[in-house]
Amino acid sequence: MVRLGSIVMHVSEIERAAEFWGKALEDQYELVHRDHNSATFFPKVGPGAALQLTERNQMHLDLNTDSLEENAAEITRLESLGARRVDWPYRPEVAVMADPDGNLFCVC
């Protein structure tokens, strides 16, 4: 079963964006990772999608699975629905895909 894991947004300045989203999400999300070109917020309570800000990539969704077997099955299922694999040299361990309109998403 696939679930929405992260919403990844491209930003031009990570420090400014992390400060904005930290305040905008108030007490609902917590900054759990920050480096020179990315920041990731996770829900403080319960399940929910993470918000990742990055200066490197375009906006996309991360779809998560619980195992490598599930991951392979979901990739096959999504391909049968019209998605296609995309060559993405930056993170070869992640399956980067495009929907029928060319919108990128990752299966991880």
PDB file of N, CA and C in Angstrom:
ATOM      1  N   MET A   1       0.841  -1.174   0.000  1.00  0.00           N
ATOM      2  CA  MET A   1       0.000   0.000   0.000  1.00  0.00           C
ATOM      3  C   MET A   1       0.890   1.242   0.000  1.00  0.00           C
ATOM      4  N   VAL A   2       0.597   2.152  -0.871  1.00  0.00           N
ATOM      5  CA  VAL A   2       1.356   3.389  -0.957  1.00  0.00           C
ATOM      6  C   VAL A   2       0.612   4.476  -0.183  1.00  0.00           C
ATOM      7  N   ARG A   3       1.383   5.393   0.431  1.00  0.00           N
ATOM      8  CA  ARG A   3       0.774   6.514   1.156  1.00  0.00           C
ATOM      9  C   ARG A   3       1.601   7.768   0.895  1.00  0.00           C
ATOM     10  N   LEU A   4       0.946   8.895   0.976  1.00  0.00           N
ATOM     11  CA  LEU A   4       1.637  10.161   0.774  1.00  0.00           C
ATOM     12  C   LEU A   4       2.601  10.371   1.924  1.00  0.00           C
ATOM     13  N   GLY A   5       3.879  10.434   1.606  1.00  0.00           N
ATOM     14  CA  GLY A   5       4.903  10.565   2.636  1.00  0.00           C
ATOM     15  C   GLY A   5       5.402  11.984   2.792  1.00  0.00           C
ATOM     16  N   SER A   6       5.692  12.654   1.685  1.00  0.00           N
ATOM     17  CA  SER A   6       6.230  14.014   1.744  1.00  0.00           C
ATOM     18  C   SER A   6       5.721  14.833   0.569  1.00  0.00           C
ATOM     19  N   ILE A   7       5.562  16.088   0.835  1.00  0.00           N
ATOM     20  CA  ILE A   7       5.365  17.087  -0.206  1.00  0.00           C
ATOM     21  C   ILE A   7       6.673  17.860  -0.256  1.00  0.00           C
ATOM     22  N   VAL A   8       7.324  17.857  -1.401  1.00  0.00           N
ATOM     23  CA  VAL A   8       8.637  18.480  -1.539  1.00  0.00           C
ATOM     24  C   VAL A   8       8.477  19.733  -2.387  1.00  0.00           C
ATOM     25  N   MET A   9       8.838  20.882  -1.802  1.00  0.00           N
ATOM     26  CA  MET A   9       8.699  22.151  -2.514  1.00  0.00           C
ATOM     27  C   MET A   9      10.065  22.746  -2.797  1.00  0.00           C
ATOM     28  N   HIS A  10      10.223  23.219  -4.015  1.00  0.00           N
ATOM     29  CA  HIS A  10      11.439  23.928  -4.398  1.00  0.00           C
ATOM     30  C   HIS A  10      11.347  25.354  -3.852  1.00  0.00           C
ATOM     31  N   VAL A  11      12.400  25.803  -3.199  1.00  0.00           N
ATOM     32  CA  VAL A  11      12.459  27.167  -2.680  1.00  0.00           C
ATOM     33  C   VAL A  11      13.771  27.802  -3.132  1.00  0.00           C
ATOM     34  N   SER A  12      13.791  29.126  -3.178  1.00  0.00           N
ATOM     35  CA  SER A  12      14.995  29.811  -3.646  1.00  0.00           C
ATOM     36  C   SER A  12      15.978  30.102  -2.519  1.00  0.00           C
ATOM     37  N   GLU A  13      15.487  30.181  -1.288  1.00  0.00           N
ATOM     38  CA  GLU A  13      16.365  30.473  -0.155  1.00  0.00           C
ATOM     39  C   GLU A  13      15.902  29.666   1.054  1.00  0.00           C
ATOM     40  N   ILE A  14      16.657  28.653   1.413  1.00  0.00           N
ATOM     41  CA  ILE A  14      16.222  27.697   2.434  1.00  0.00           C
ATOM     42  C   ILE A  14      15.999  28.352   3.799  1.00  0.00           C
ATOM     43  N   GLU A  15      16.874  29.253   4.207  1.00  0.00           N
ATOM     44  CA  GLU A  15      16.732  29.872   5.535  1.00  0.00           C
ATOM     45  C   GLU A  15      15.417  30.642   5.647  1.00  0.00           C
ATOM     46  N   ARG A  16      15.116  31.450   4.653  1.00  0.00           N
ATOM     47  CA  ARG A  16      13.879  32.227   4.651  1.00  0.00           C
ATOM     48  C   ARG A  16      12.660  31.314   4.613  1.00  0.00           C
ATOM     49  N   ALA A  17      12.702  30.292   3.757  1.00  0.00           N
ATOM     50  CA  ALA A  17      11.569  29.379   3.619  1.00  0.00           C
ATOM     51  C   ALA A  17      11.332  28.575   4.892  1.00  0.00           C
ATOM     52  N   ALA A  18      12.410  28.093   5.520  1.00  0.00           N
ATOM     53  CA  ALA A  18      12.267  27.321   6.761  1.00  0.00           C
ATOM     54  C   ALA A  18      11.675  28.180   7.872  1.00  0.00           C
ATOM     55  N   GLU A  19      12.085  29.424   7.947  1.00  0.00           N
ATOM     56  CA  GLU A  19      11.529  30.322   8.956  1.00  0.00           C
ATOM     57  C   GLU A  19      10.044  30.568   8.687  1.00  0.00           C
ATOM     58  N   PHE A  20       9.697  30.843   7.436  1.00  0.00           N
ATOM     59  CA  PHE A  20       8.291  31.083   7.086  1.00  0.00           C
ATOM     60  C   PHE A  20       7.422  29.879   7.417  1.00  0.00           C
ATOM     61  N   TRP A  21       7.812  28.680   6.906  1.00  0.00           N
ATOM     62  CA  TRP A  21       6.973  27.491   7.091  1.00  0.00           C
ATOM     63  C   TRP A  21       6.941  27.049   8.549  1.00  0.00           C
ATOM     64  N   GLY A  22       8.021  27.252   9.278  1.00  0.00           N
ATOM     65  CA  GLY A  22       8.009  26.945  10.708  1.00  0.00           C
ATOM     66  C   GLY A  22       6.961  27.757  11.445  1.00  0.00           C
ATOM     67  N   LYS A  23       6.865  29.036  11.104  1.00  0.00           N
ATOM     68  CA  LYS A  23       5.853  29.909  11.723  1.00  0.00           C
ATOM     69  C   LYS A  23       4.460  29.627  11.174  1.00  0.00           C
ATOM     70  N   ALA A  24       4.367  29.378   9.863  1.00  0.00           N
ATOM     71  CA  ALA A  24       3.055  29.151   9.245  1.00  0.00           C
ATOM     72  C   ALA A  24       2.392  27.884   9.773  1.00  0.00           C
ATOM     73  N   LEU A  25       3.187  26.854  10.034  1.00  0.00           N
ATOM     74  CA  LEU A  25       2.639  25.579  10.515  1.00  0.00           C
ATOM     75  C   LEU A  25       2.494  25.545  12.030  1.00  0.00           C
ATOM     76  N   GLU A  26       2.901  26.612  12.680  1.00  0.00           N
ATOM     77  CA  GLU A  26       2.797  26.798  14.128  1.00  0.00           C
ATOM     78  C   GLU A  26       3.250  25.576  14.899  1.00  0.00           C
ATOM     79  N   ASP A  27       2.421  25.084  15.792  1.00  0.00           N
ATOM     80  CA  ASP A  27       2.800  23.979  16.665  1.00  0.00           C
ATOM     81  C   ASP A  27       2.444  22.612  16.099  1.00  0.00           C
ATOM     82  N   GLN A  28       1.953  22.552  14.866  1.00  0.00           N
ATOM     83  CA  GLN A  28       1.521  21.285  14.291  1.00  0.00           C
ATOM     84  C   GLN A  28       2.679  20.465  13.725  1.00  0.00           C
ATOM     85  N   TYR A  29       3.727  21.139  13.279  1.00  0.00           N
ATOM     86  CA  TYR A  29       4.872  20.473  12.645  1.00  0.00           C
ATOM     87  C   TYR A  29       6.163  20.865  13.352  1.00  0.00           C
ATOM     88  N   GLU A  30       7.135  19.960  13.281  1.00  0.00           N
ATOM     89  CA  GLU A  30       8.419  20.173  13.916  1.00  0.00           C
ATOM     90  C   GLU A  30       9.528  20.063  12.876  1.00  0.00           C
ATOM     91  N   LEU A  31      10.465  20.995  12.923  1.00  0.00           N
ATOM     92  CA  LEU A  31      11.634  20.936  12.045  1.00  0.00           C
ATOM     93  C   LEU A  31      12.539  19.817  12.543  1.00  0.00           C
ATOM     94  N   VAL A  32      12.719  18.766  11.743  1.00  0.00           N
ATOM     95  CA  VAL A  32      13.504  17.605  12.183  1.00  0.00           C
ATOM     96  C   VAL A  32      14.832  17.470  11.445  1.00  0.00           C
ATOM     97  N   HIS A  33      15.001  18.194  10.357  1.00  0.00           N
ATOM     98  CA  HIS A  33      16.256  18.138   9.601  1.00  0.00           C
ATOM     99  C   HIS A  33      16.488  19.491   8.960  1.00  0.00           C
ATOM    100  N   ARG A  34      17.741  19.946   9.008  1.00  0.00           N
ATOM    101  CA  ARG A  34      18.085  21.196   8.341  1.00  0.00           C
ATOM    102  C   ARG A  34      19.544  21.133   7.954  1.00  0.00           C
ATOM    103  N   ASP A  35      19.840  21.430   6.700  1.00  0.00           N
ATOM    104  CA  ASP A  35      21.224  21.588   6.272  1.00  0.00           C
ATOM    105  C   ASP A  35      21.287  22.778   5.332  1.00  0.00           C
ATOM    106  N   HIS A  36      22.369  22.915   4.589  1.00  0.00           N
ATOM    107  CA  HIS A  36      22.566  24.119   3.778  1.00  0.00           C
ATOM    108  C   HIS A  36      21.583  24.263   2.624  1.00  0.00           C
ATOM    109  N   ASN A  37      20.931  23.177   2.175  1.00  0.00           N
ATOM    110  CA  ASN A  37      20.002  23.329   1.047  1.00  0.00           C
ATOM    111  C   ASN A  37      18.693  22.551   1.201  1.00  0.00           C
ATOM    112  N   SER A  38      18.366  22.145   2.444  1.00  0.00           N
ATOM    113  CA  SER A  38      17.062  21.501   2.643  1.00  0.00           C
ATOM    114  C   SER A  38      16.618  21.602   4.099  1.00  0.00           C
ATOM    115  N   ALA A  39      15.327  21.476   4.288  1.00  0.00           N
ATOM    116  CA  ALA A  39      14.725  21.450   5.625  1.00  0.00           C
ATOM    117  C   ALA A  39      13.505  20.546   5.545  1.00  0.00           C
ATOM    118  N   THR A  40      13.282  19.748   6.595  1.00  0.00           N
ATOM    119  CA  THR A  40      12.156  18.827   6.598  1.00  0.00           C
ATOM    120  C   THR A  40      11.364  18.982   7.890  1.00  0.00           C
ATOM    121  N   PHE A  41      10.051  19.128   7.740  1.00  0.00           N
ATOM    122  CA  PHE A  41       9.125  19.246   8.866  1.00  0.00           C
ATOM    123  C   PHE A  41       8.263  17.993   8.921  1.00  0.00           C
ATOM    124  N   PHE A  42       8.089  17.424  10.126  1.00  0.00           N
ATOM    125  CA  PHE A  42       7.212  16.282  10.339  1.00  0.00           C
ATOM    126  C   PHE A  42       6.082  16.683  11.287  1.00  0.00           C
ATOM    127  N   PRO A  43       4.905  16.052  11.144  1.00  0.00           N
ATOM    128  CA  PRO A  43       3.828  16.314  12.096  1.00  0.00           C
ATOM    129  C   PRO A  43       4.282  15.959  13.510  1.00  0.00           C
ATOM    130  N   LYS A  44       3.910  16.781  14.478  1.00  0.00           N
ATOM    131  CA  LYS A  44       4.286  16.508  15.864  1.00  0.00           C
ATOM    132  C   LYS A  44       3.452  15.375  16.452  1.00  0.00           C
ATOM    133  N   VAL A  45       2.194  15.273  16.029  1.00  0.00           N
ATOM    134  CA  VAL A  45       1.290  14.267  16.595  1.00  0.00           C
ATOM    135  C   VAL A  45       0.589  13.525  15.465  1.00  0.00           C
ATOM    136  N   GLY A  46       0.635  12.218  15.519  1.00  0.00           N
ATOM    137  CA  GLY A  46      -0.114  11.403  14.579  1.00  0.00           C
ATOM    138  C   GLY A  46       0.476  11.359  13.187  1.00  0.00           C
ATOM    139  N   PRO A  47      -0.202  10.630  12.305  1.00  0.00           N
ATOM    140  CA  PRO A  47       0.282  10.491  10.932  1.00  0.00           C
ATOM    141  C   PRO A  47       0.006  11.746  10.112  1.00  0.00           C
ATOM    142  N   GLY A  48       0.718  11.866   9.032  1.00  0.00           N
ATOM    143  CA  GLY A  48       0.520  12.982   8.118  1.00  0.00           C
ATOM    144  C   GLY A  48       1.724  13.128   7.221  1.00  0.00           C
ATOM    145  N   ALA A  49       1.557  13.858   6.161  1.00  0.00           N
ATOM    146  CA  ALA A  49       2.637  14.067   5.209  1.00  0.00           C
ATOM    147  C   ALA A  49       3.679  15.016   5.787  1.00  0.00           C
ATOM    148  N   ALA A  50       4.926  14.749   5.499  1.00  0.00           N
ATOM    149  CA  ALA A  50       6.014  15.651   5.863  1.00  0.00           C
ATOM    150  C   ALA A  50       6.090  16.764   4.808  1.00  0.00           C
ATOM    151  N   LEU A  51       6.658  17.877   5.186  1.00  0.00           N
ATOM    152  CA  LEU A  51       6.934  18.964   4.246  1.00  0.00           C
ATOM    153  C   LEU A  51       8.440  19.096   4.148  1.00  0.00           C
ATOM    154  N   GLN A  52       8.965  18.928   2.941  1.00  0.00           N
ATOM    155  CA  GLN A  52      10.399  19.090   2.721  1.00  0.00           C
ATOM    156  C   GLN A  52      10.617  20.284   1.813  1.00  0.00           C
ATOM    157  N   LEU A  53      11.505  21.166   2.220  1.00  0.00           N
ATOM    158  CA  LEU A  53      11.884  22.335   1.420  1.00  0.00           C
ATOM    159  C   LEU A  53      13.279  22.066   0.881  1.00  0.00           C
ATOM    160  N   THR A  54      13.482  22.329  -0.390  1.00  0.00           N
ATOM    161  CA  THR A  54      14.796  22.073  -0.974  1.00  0.00           C
ATOM    162  C   THR A  54      15.125  23.111  -2.042  1.00  0.00           C
ATOM    163  N   GLU A  55      16.393  23.444  -2.129  1.00  0.00           N
ATOM    164  CA  GLU A  55      16.872  24.341  -3.176  1.00  0.00           C
ATOM    165  C   GLU A  55      17.301  23.564  -4.410  1.00  0.00           C
ATOM    166  N   ARG A  56      17.309  22.221  -4.334  1.00  0.00           N
ATOM    167  CA  ARG A  56      17.860  21.401  -5.410  1.00  0.00           C
ATOM    168  C   ARG A  56      16.831  20.921  -6.419  1.00  0.00           C
ATOM    169  N   ASN A  57      15.657  20.539  -5.997  1.00  0.00           N
ATOM    170  CA  ASN A  57      14.724  19.821  -6.866  1.00  0.00           C
ATOM    171  C   ASN A  57      13.469  20.621  -7.147  1.00  0.00           C
ATOM    172  N   GLN A  58      12.724  20.140  -8.106  1.00  0.00           N
ATOM    173  CA  GLN A  58      11.423  20.726  -8.390  1.00  0.00           C
ATOM    174  C   GLN A  58      10.407  20.207  -7.392  1.00  0.00           C
ATOM    175  N   MET A  59       9.242  20.851  -7.354  1.00  0.00           N
ATOM    176  CA  MET A  59       8.172  20.392  -6.486  1.00  0.00           C
ATOM    177  C   MET A  59       7.711  19.004  -6.923  1.00  0.00           C
ATOM    178  N   HIS A  60       7.525  18.105  -5.958  1.00  0.00           N
ATOM    179  CA  HIS A  60       7.039  16.762  -6.260  1.00  0.00           C
ATOM    180  C   HIS A  60       6.483  16.118  -4.992  1.00  0.00           C
ATOM    181  N   LEU A  61       5.841  14.993  -5.161  1.00  0.00           N
ATOM    182  CA  LEU A  61       5.324  14.219  -4.040  1.00  0.00           C
ATOM    183  C   LEU A  61       6.221  13.018  -3.805  1.00  0.00           C
ATOM    184  N   ASP A  62       6.352  12.613  -2.535  1.00  0.00           N
ATOM    185  CA  ASP A  62       6.993  11.354  -2.183  1.00  0.00           C
ATOM    186  C   ASP A  62       5.904  10.394  -1.739  1.00  0.00           C
ATOM    187  N   LEU A  63       5.833   9.240  -2.373  1.00  0.00           N
ATOM    188  CA  LEU A  63       4.907   8.190  -1.968  1.00  0.00           C
ATOM    189  C   LEU A  63       5.723   7.126  -1.254  1.00  0.00           C
ATOM    190  N   ASN A  64       5.335   6.785  -0.037  1.00  0.00           N
ATOM    191  CA  ASN A  64       6.103   5.838   0.775  1.00  0.00           C
ATOM    192  C   ASN A  64       5.450   4.471   0.809  1.00  0.00           C
ATOM    193  N   THR A  65       6.304   3.448   0.919  1.00  0.00           N
ATOM    194  CA  THR A  65       5.861   2.073   1.126  1.00  0.00           C
ATOM    195  C   THR A  65       6.589   1.550   2.358  1.00  0.00           C
ATOM    196  N   ASP A  66       6.209   0.353   2.809  1.00  0.00           N
ATOM    197  CA  ASP A  66       6.793  -0.201   4.027  1.00  0.00           C
ATOM    198  C   ASP A  66       7.927  -1.189   3.793  1.00  0.00           C
ATOM    199  N   SER A  67       8.145  -1.607   2.550  1.00  0.00           N
ATOM    200  CA  SER A  67       9.195  -2.593   2.288  1.00  0.00           C
ATOM    201  C   SER A  67       9.642  -2.496   0.835  1.00  0.00           C
ATOM    202  N   LEU A  68      10.769  -3.119   0.532  1.00  0.00           N
ATOM    203  CA  LEU A  68      11.251  -3.148  -0.846  1.00  0.00           C
ATOM    204  C   LEU A  68      10.295  -3.911  -1.758  1.00  0.00           C
ATOM    205  N   GLU A  69       9.687  -4.965  -1.236  1.00  0.00           N
ATOM    206  CA  GLU A  69       8.720  -5.746  -2.021  1.00  0.00           C
ATOM    207  C   GLU A  69       7.497  -4.905  -2.352  1.00  0.00           C
ATOM    208  N   GLU A  70       6.996  -4.165  -1.353  1.00  0.00           N
ATOM    209  CA  GLU A  70       5.852  -3.286  -1.571  1.00  0.00           C
ATOM    210  C   GLU A  70       6.205  -2.188  -2.562  1.00  0.00           C
ATOM    211  N   ASN A  71       7.418  -1.683  -2.440  1.00  0.00           N
ATOM    212  CA  ASN A  71       7.883  -0.629  -3.333  1.00  0.00           C
ATOM    213  C   ASN A  71       7.854  -1.110  -4.780  1.00  0.00           C
ATOM    214  N   ALA A  72       8.394  -2.290  -5.038  1.00  0.00           N
ATOM    215  CA  ALA A  72       8.413  -2.841  -6.396  1.00  0.00           C
ATOM    216  C   ALA A  72       7.005  -3.068  -6.917  1.00  0.00           C
ATOM    217  N   ALA A  73       6.119  -3.575  -6.060  1.00  0.00           N
ATOM    218  CA  ALA A  73       4.731  -3.820  -6.471  1.00  0.00           C
ATOM    219  C   ALA A  73       4.026  -2.510  -6.808  1.00  0.00           C
ATOM    220  N   GLU A  74       4.267  -1.471  -6.030  1.00  0.00           N
ATOM    221  CA  GLU A  74       3.626  -0.173  -6.289  1.00  0.00           C
ATOM    222  C   GLU A  74       4.141   0.446  -7.583  1.00  0.00           C
ATOM    223  N   ILE A  75       5.430   0.317  -7.835  1.00  0.00           N
ATOM    224  CA  ILE A  75       5.985   0.845  -9.085  1.00  0.00           C
ATOM    225  C   ILE A  75       5.315   0.157 -10.271  1.00  0.00           C
ATOM    226  N   THR A  76       5.197  -1.157 -10.204  1.00  0.00           N
ATOM    227  CA  THR A  76       4.525  -1.911 -11.272  1.00  0.00           C
ATOM    228  C   THR A  76       3.071  -1.470 -11.416  1.00  0.00           C
ATOM    229  N   ARG A  77       2.379  -1.313 -10.288  1.00  0.00           N
ATOM    230  CA  ARG A  77       0.967  -0.897 -10.319  1.00  0.00           C
ATOM    231  C   ARG A  77       0.828   0.504 -10.931  1.00  0.00           C
ATOM    232  N   LEU A  78       1.699   1.424 -10.521  1.00  0.00           N
ATOM    233  CA  LEU A  78       1.634   2.792 -11.039  1.00  0.00           C
ATOM    234  C   LEU A  78       1.964   2.844 -12.524  1.00  0.00           C
ATOM    235  N   GLU A  79       2.917   2.009 -12.961  1.00  0.00           N
ATOM    236  CA  GLU A  79       3.216   1.929 -14.397  1.00  0.00           C
ATOM    237  C   GLU A  79       1.998   1.420 -15.168  1.00  0.00           C
ATOM    238  N   SER A  80       1.267   0.485 -14.593  1.00  0.00           N
ATOM    239  CA  SER A  80       0.075  -0.036 -15.273  1.00  0.00           C
ATOM    240  C   SER A  80      -1.023   1.025 -15.387  1.00  0.00           C
ATOM    241  N   LEU A  81      -0.943   2.045 -14.534  1.00  0.00           N
ATOM    242  CA  LEU A  81      -1.918   3.143 -14.573  1.00  0.00           C
ATOM    243  C   LEU A  81      -1.490   4.272 -15.507  1.00  0.00           C
ATOM    244  N   GLY A  82      -0.256   4.179 -16.049  1.00  0.00           N
ATOM    245  CA  GLY A  82       0.213   5.192 -16.992  1.00  0.00           C
ATOM    246  C   GLY A  82       1.429   5.974 -16.545  1.00  0.00           C
ATOM    247  N   ALA A  83       1.952   5.706 -15.347  1.00  0.00           N
ATOM    248  CA  ALA A  83       3.169   6.377 -14.901  1.00  0.00           C
ATOM    249  C   ALA A  83       4.375   5.760 -15.608  1.00  0.00           C
ATOM    250  N   ARG A  84       5.487   6.500 -15.624  1.00  0.00           N
ATOM    251  CA  ARG A  84       6.703   5.971 -16.221  1.00  0.00           C
ATOM    252  C   ARG A  84       7.888   6.337 -15.350  1.00  0.00           C
ATOM    253  N   ARG A  85       8.927   5.491 -15.394  1.00  0.00           N
ATOM    254  CA  ARG A  85      10.170   5.766 -14.662  1.00  0.00           C
ATOM    255  C   ARG A  85      10.915   6.908 -15.342  1.00  0.00           C
ATOM    256  N   VAL A  86      11.604   7.716 -14.542  1.00  0.00           N
ATOM    257  CA  VAL A  86      12.385   8.843 -15.033  1.00  0.00           C
ATOM    258  C   VAL A  86      13.823   8.643 -14.580  1.00  0.00           C
ATOM    259  N   ASP A  87      14.765   8.846 -15.483  1.00  0.00           N
ATOM    260  CA  ASP A  87      16.172   8.764 -15.125  1.00  0.00           C
ATOM    261  C   ASP A  87      16.515   9.976 -14.263  1.00  0.00           C
ATOM    262  N   TRP A  88      16.920   9.727 -13.023  1.00  0.00           N
ATOM    263  CA  TRP A  88      17.200  10.804 -12.079  1.00  0.00           C
ATOM    264  C   TRP A  88      18.526  10.484 -11.390  1.00  0.00           C
ATOM    265  N   PRO A  89      19.632  11.082 -11.825  1.00  0.00           N
ATOM    266  CA  PRO A  89      20.953  10.696 -11.334  1.00  0.00           C
ATOM    267  C   PRO A  89      21.260  11.136  -9.904  1.00  0.00           C
ATOM    268  N   TYR A  90      20.461  12.020  -9.329  1.00  0.00           N
ATOM    269  CA  TYR A  90      20.792  12.582  -8.027  1.00  0.00           C
ATOM    270  C   TYR A  90      20.518  11.646  -6.861  1.00  0.00           C
ATOM    271  N   ARG A  91      19.518  10.782  -6.974  1.00  0.00           N
ATOM    272  CA  ARG A  91      19.201   9.820  -5.919  1.00  0.00           C
ATOM    273  C   ARG A  91      18.825   8.498  -6.561  1.00  0.00           C
ATOM    274  N   PRO A  92      19.806   7.727  -7.018  1.00  0.00           N
ATOM    275  CA  PRO A  92      19.502   6.490  -7.751  1.00  0.00           C
ATOM    276  C   PRO A  92      18.762   5.444  -6.917  1.00  0.00           C
ATOM    277  N   GLU A  93      18.809   5.540  -5.588  1.00  0.00           N
ATOM    278  CA  GLU A  93      18.111   4.572  -4.740  1.00  0.00           C
ATOM    279  C   GLU A  93      16.604   4.817  -4.669  1.00  0.00           C
ATOM    280  N   VAL A  94      16.137   5.948  -5.180  1.00  0.00           N
ATOM    281  CA  VAL A  94      14.720   6.304  -5.152  1.00  0.00           C
ATOM    282  C   VAL A  94      14.148   6.175  -6.557  1.00  0.00           C
ATOM    283  N   ALA A  95      12.958   5.584  -6.658  1.00  0.00           N
ATOM    284  CA  ALA A  95      12.286   5.468  -7.954  1.00  0.00           C
ATOM    285  C   ALA A  95      11.587   6.786  -8.256  1.00  0.00           C
ATOM    286  N   VAL A  96      12.144   7.547  -9.184  1.00  0.00           N
ATOM    287  CA  VAL A  96      11.514   8.789  -9.626  1.00  0.00           C
ATOM    288  C   VAL A  96      10.640   8.443 -10.817  1.00  0.00           C
ATOM    289  N   MET A  97       9.392   8.909 -10.751  1.00  0.00           N
ATOM    290  CA  MET A  97       8.425   8.586 -11.790  1.00  0.00           C
ATOM    291  C   MET A  97       7.724   9.860 -12.245  1.00  0.00           C
ATOM    292  N   ALA A  98       7.036   9.756 -13.365  1.00  0.00           N
ATOM    293  CA  ALA A  98       6.216  10.852 -13.879  1.00  0.00           C
ATOM    294  C   ALA A  98       4.821  10.311 -14.122  1.00  0.00           C
ATOM    295  N   ASP A  99       3.823  11.112 -13.764  1.00  0.00           N
ATOM    296  CA  ASP A  99       2.443  10.730 -14.053  1.00  0.00           C
ATOM    297  C   ASP A  99       2.178  10.951 -15.544  1.00  0.00           C
ATOM    298  N   PRO A 100       0.985  10.623 -16.056  1.00  0.00           N
ATOM    299  CA  PRO A 100       0.730  10.780 -17.491  1.00  0.00           C
ATOM    300  C   PRO A 100       0.901  12.214 -18.014  1.00  0.00           C
ATOM    301  N   ASP A 101       0.821  13.223 -17.107  1.00  0.00           N
ATOM    302  CA  ASP A 101       1.021  14.606 -17.525  1.00  0.00           C
ATOM    303  C   ASP A 101       2.458  15.078 -17.351  1.00  0.00           C
ATOM    304  N   GLY A 102       3.335  14.192 -16.884  1.00  0.00           N
ATOM    305  CA  GLY A 102       4.736  14.551 -16.707  1.00  0.00           C
ATOM    306  C   GLY A 102       5.089  15.093 -15.338  1.00  0.00           C
ATOM    307  N   ASN A 103       4.141  15.138 -14.386  1.00  0.00           N
ATOM    308  CA  ASN A 103       4.424  15.587 -13.038  1.00  0.00           C
ATOM    309  C   ASN A 103       5.254  14.535 -12.313  1.00  0.00           C
ATOM    310  N   LEU A 104       6.346  14.985 -11.692  1.00  0.00           N
ATOM    311  CA  LEU A 104       7.238  14.047 -11.020  1.00  0.00           C
ATOM    312  C   LEU A 104       6.743  13.651  -9.644  1.00  0.00           C
ATOM    313  N   PHE A 105       7.050  12.417  -9.267  1.00  0.00           N
ATOM    314  CA  PHE A 105       6.828  11.934  -7.905  1.00  0.00           C
ATOM    315  C   PHE A 105       7.818  10.817  -7.652  1.00  0.00           C
ATOM    316  N   CYS A 106       8.078  10.546  -6.376  1.00  0.00           N
ATOM    317  CA  CYS A 106       9.030   9.499  -5.992  1.00  0.00           C
ATOM    318  C   CYS A 106       8.287   8.389  -5.265  1.00  0.00           C
ATOM    319  N   VAL A 107       8.730   7.164  -5.467  1.00  0.00           N
ATOM    320  CA  VAL A 107       8.237   6.015  -4.704  1.00  0.00           C
ATOM    321  C   VAL A 107       9.417   5.559  -3.859  1.00  0.00           C
ATOM    322  N   CYS A 108       9.294   5.683  -2.537  1.00  0.00           N
ATOM    323  CA  CYS A 108      10.412   5.352  -1.655  1.00  0.00           C
ATOM    324  C   CYS A 108       9.956   4.530  -0.452  1.00  0.00           C
TER     325      CYS A 108
END
